[in-house]
Protein backbone atom coordinates (compact mmCIF):
# COMPACT_ATOMS: atom_id res chain seq x y z
CA MET A 1 110.10 100.33 67.84
CA GLU A 2 108.24 98.10 70.29
CA ASN A 3 111.28 97.81 72.57
CA GLN A 4 111.66 101.58 72.65
CA GLN A 5 108.06 102.03 73.73
CA LEU A 6 108.35 99.24 76.29
CA ASN A 7 111.54 100.70 77.71
CA ALA A 8 109.97 104.14 77.94
CA LEU A 9 106.99 102.71 79.83
CA ARG A 10 109.29 100.79 82.15
CA ASP A 11 111.24 103.98 82.80
CA GLN A 12 107.97 105.65 83.83
CA ILE A 13 107.21 102.74 86.16
CA ASN A 14 110.68 103.04 87.70
CA ILE A 15 110.09 106.73 88.44
CA VAL A 16 106.75 105.98 90.09
CA ASP A 17 108.32 103.11 92.07
CA GLU A 18 111.03 105.42 93.38
CA LYS A 19 108.38 107.92 94.51
CA LEU A 20 106.42 105.12 96.18
CA VAL A 21 109.51 104.02 98.13
CA GLN A 22 110.06 107.57 99.35
CA LEU A 23 106.43 107.91 100.40
CA LEU A 24 106.41 104.51 102.11
CA GLU A 25 109.53 105.43 104.06
CA GLN A 26 107.82 108.65 105.12
CA ARG A 27 104.65 106.77 106.10
CA PHE A 28 106.55 104.16 108.12
CA ALA A 29 108.53 106.86 109.96
CA ILE A 30 105.21 108.35 111.06
CA VAL A 31 103.93 104.87 111.97
CA LYS A 32 106.89 104.43 114.33
CA GLU A 33 105.88 107.65 116.07
CA VAL A 34 102.27 106.43 116.30
CA GLY A 35 103.59 103.25 117.91
CA MET A 36 105.44 105.24 120.57
CA VAL A 37 102.33 107.29 121.33
CA LYS A 38 100.20 104.15 121.55
CA GLN A 39 102.75 102.46 123.80
CA ALA A 40 102.90 105.47 126.12
CA ALA A 41 99.11 105.58 126.29
CA LYS A 42 98.91 101.78 126.66
CA LEU A 43 96.71 101.54 123.58
CA PRO A 44 96.50 98.41 121.44
CA ILE A 45 98.48 98.33 118.21
CA ARG A 46 95.52 97.13 116.16
CA ASP A 47 92.56 99.40 115.63
CA GLU A 48 90.15 97.64 113.30
CA LYS A 49 87.80 100.64 113.04
CA ARG A 50 90.70 102.87 111.99
CA GLU A 51 91.92 100.32 109.44
CA GLN A 52 88.48 100.02 107.91
CA ALA A 53 88.09 103.80 107.84
CA VAL A 54 91.42 104.11 106.01
CA LEU A 55 90.44 101.46 103.46
CA ASN A 56 87.04 103.10 102.93
CA ARG A 57 88.56 106.58 102.56
CA LEU A 58 91.18 105.41 100.09
CA GLY A 59 88.69 103.26 98.21
CA GLY A 60 86.57 106.35 97.75
CA GLN A 61 89.49 108.13 96.11
CA VAL A 62 90.01 105.49 93.43
CA THR A 63 88.84 106.85 90.09
CA ASP A 64 89.12 103.55 88.19
CA GLN A 65 86.81 101.31 90.21
CA SER A 66 88.26 98.18 88.63
CA LEU A 67 91.46 98.98 90.57
CA LYS A 68 89.73 99.46 93.93
CA PRO A 69 90.17 95.86 95.21
CA ALA A 70 93.87 95.85 94.29
CA ILE A 71 94.52 99.24 95.87
CA GLN A 72 92.68 98.29 99.04
CA ALA A 73 94.62 95.00 99.21
CA ILE A 74 97.90 96.90 98.84
CA PHE A 75 96.95 99.29 101.62
CA GLN A 76 95.88 96.39 103.83
CA THR A 77 99.37 94.95 103.34
CA ILE A 78 100.93 98.33 104.10
CA MET A 79 98.91 98.54 107.32
CA ASP A 80 99.83 94.95 108.24
CA GLU A 81 103.51 95.80 107.83
CA ALA A 82 103.02 99.04 109.76
CA LYS A 83 101.63 97.11 112.74
CA LYS A 84 104.89 95.16 112.85
CA LEU A 85 106.78 98.46 113.17
CA GLU A 86 104.50 99.82 115.87
């Protein structure tokens, strides 16, 4: 019985992971466009104010506050990887 429940939960995680991959691919495609715009305008890749605003905005959307540090850390990593693509 325990294995069935565990497998069902893992199946749910797999579905969420697949959605996350799709969304990350979509986000990074947009990031590449942002990079081209920044390059054309001779703007720096890093914008610390924008990064902090994103983290603050997303942190404000977290309903389970115990998850806020983890979610913000994940988004910081996403933004760090995005800068590499820009």
